[in-house]
């Protein structure tokens, strides 16, 4: 798997996690509002852990992949087709 492909996969993963955190946060808010504090605290703890992991993934992508992508030779459309 090329570095560009890895970069795109990790980028899509962080975008997906970010998009899913919005309804997840809404669920946590409803749990707190209904008085289901134990469920809300567990969900909030998991959301924080996922957000921290997502941040570390994106930080790693930005720090390590950018320099490697600049050094990787870019194939032209003619080379990729053959």
Protein backbone atom coordinates (compact mmCIF):
# COMPACT_ATOMS: atom_id res chain seq x y z
CA UNK A 1 0.00 0.00 0.00
CA UNK A 2 1.44 3.35 -0.99
CA UNK A 3 1.92 6.21 1.43
CA UNK A 4 -0.69 8.28 -0.36
CA UNK A 5 -3.26 5.52 0.12
CA UNK A 6 -2.43 5.22 3.83
CA UNK A 7 -2.73 8.99 4.18
CA UNK A 8 -6.13 9.02 2.50
CA UNK A 9 -7.41 6.12 4.64
CA UNK A 10 -6.29 7.75 7.88
CA UNK A 11 -7.71 11.10 6.77
CA UNK A 12 -11.07 9.52 5.97
CA UNK A 13 -11.01 7.73 9.33
CA UNK A 14 -10.53 10.96 11.26
CA UNK A 15 -13.26 12.70 9.25
CA UNK A 16 -15.66 9.82 9.95
CA UNK A 17 -14.87 9.83 13.67
CA UNK A 18 -15.46 13.58 13.74
CA UNK A 19 -18.81 13.22 11.98
CA UNK A 20 -19.95 10.43 14.29
CA UNK A 21 -19.00 12.38 17.41
CA UNK A 22 -21.83 14.87 16.80
CA UNK A 23 -24.73 12.40 17.24
CA UNK A 24 -22.74 10.61 19.94
CA UNK A 25 -22.48 13.87 21.89
CA UNK A 26 -26.20 14.44 21.42
CA UNK A 27 -26.89 10.98 22.86
CA UNK A 28 -24.72 11.80 25.86
CA UNK A 29 -26.63 15.04 26.37
CA UNK A 30 -29.96 13.23 26.30
CA UNK A 31 -28.67 10.66 28.78
CA UNK A 32 -27.63 13.39 31.20
CA UNK A 33 -30.97 15.16 30.68
CA UNK A 34 -32.97 11.99 31.40
CA UNK A 35 -30.96 11.28 34.53
CA UNK A 36 -29.17 8.21 33.18
CA UNK A 37 -25.89 9.40 34.64
CA UNK A 38 -24.04 6.09 34.65
CA UNK A 39 -24.74 5.51 30.93
CA UNK A 40 -23.85 9.10 30.13
CA UNK A 41 -20.56 8.97 32.06
CA UNK A 42 -19.51 5.72 30.37
CA UNK A 43 -20.41 7.09 26.93
CA UNK A 44 -18.63 10.36 27.70
CA UNK A 45 -15.49 8.51 28.83
CA UNK A 46 -15.46 6.43 25.67
CA UNK A 47 -16.01 9.53 23.54
CA UNK A 48 -13.07 11.29 25.19
CA UNK A 49 -10.83 8.25 24.62
CA UNK A 50 -11.87 8.03 20.96
CA UNK A 51 -11.31 11.77 20.49
CA UNK A 52 -7.83 11.59 22.01
CA UNK A 53 -6.95 8.60 19.82
CA UNK A 54 -8.31 10.46 16.79
CA UNK A 55 -6.17 13.47 17.64
CA UNK A 56 -3.06 11.35 17.95
CA UNK A 57 -3.79 9.64 14.63
CA UNK A 58 -4.17 12.95 12.84
CA UNK A 59 -1.09 14.41 14.52
CA UNK A 60 0.92 11.37 13.40
CA UNK A 61 -0.41 11.72 9.87
CA UNK A 62 0.55 15.37 9.68
CA UNK A 63 4.00 14.92 11.19
CA UNK A 64 5.13 11.73 9.46
CA UNK A 65 3.29 11.33 6.20
CA UNK A 66 3.72 14.78 4.69
CA UNK A 67 7.51 14.57 4.49
CA UNK A 68 7.37 11.01 3.16
CA UNK A 69 4.81 11.94 0.51
CA UNK A 70 6.98 14.79 -0.72
CA UNK A 71 9.90 12.38 -1.18
CA UNK A 72 7.83 9.69 -2.92
CA UNK A 73 7.98 9.91 -6.72
CA UNK A 74 4.68 10.82 -8.33
CA UNK A 75 3.57 8.55 -11.17
CA UNK A 76 2.21 10.24 -14.23
CA UNK A 77 -1.11 9.16 -15.74
CA UNK A 78 0.73 7.34 -18.56
CA UNK A 79 2.84 5.27 -16.13
CA UNK A 80 -0.16 4.38 -13.96
CA UNK A 81 -2.15 3.11 -16.98
CA UNK A 82 0.56 0.73 -18.13
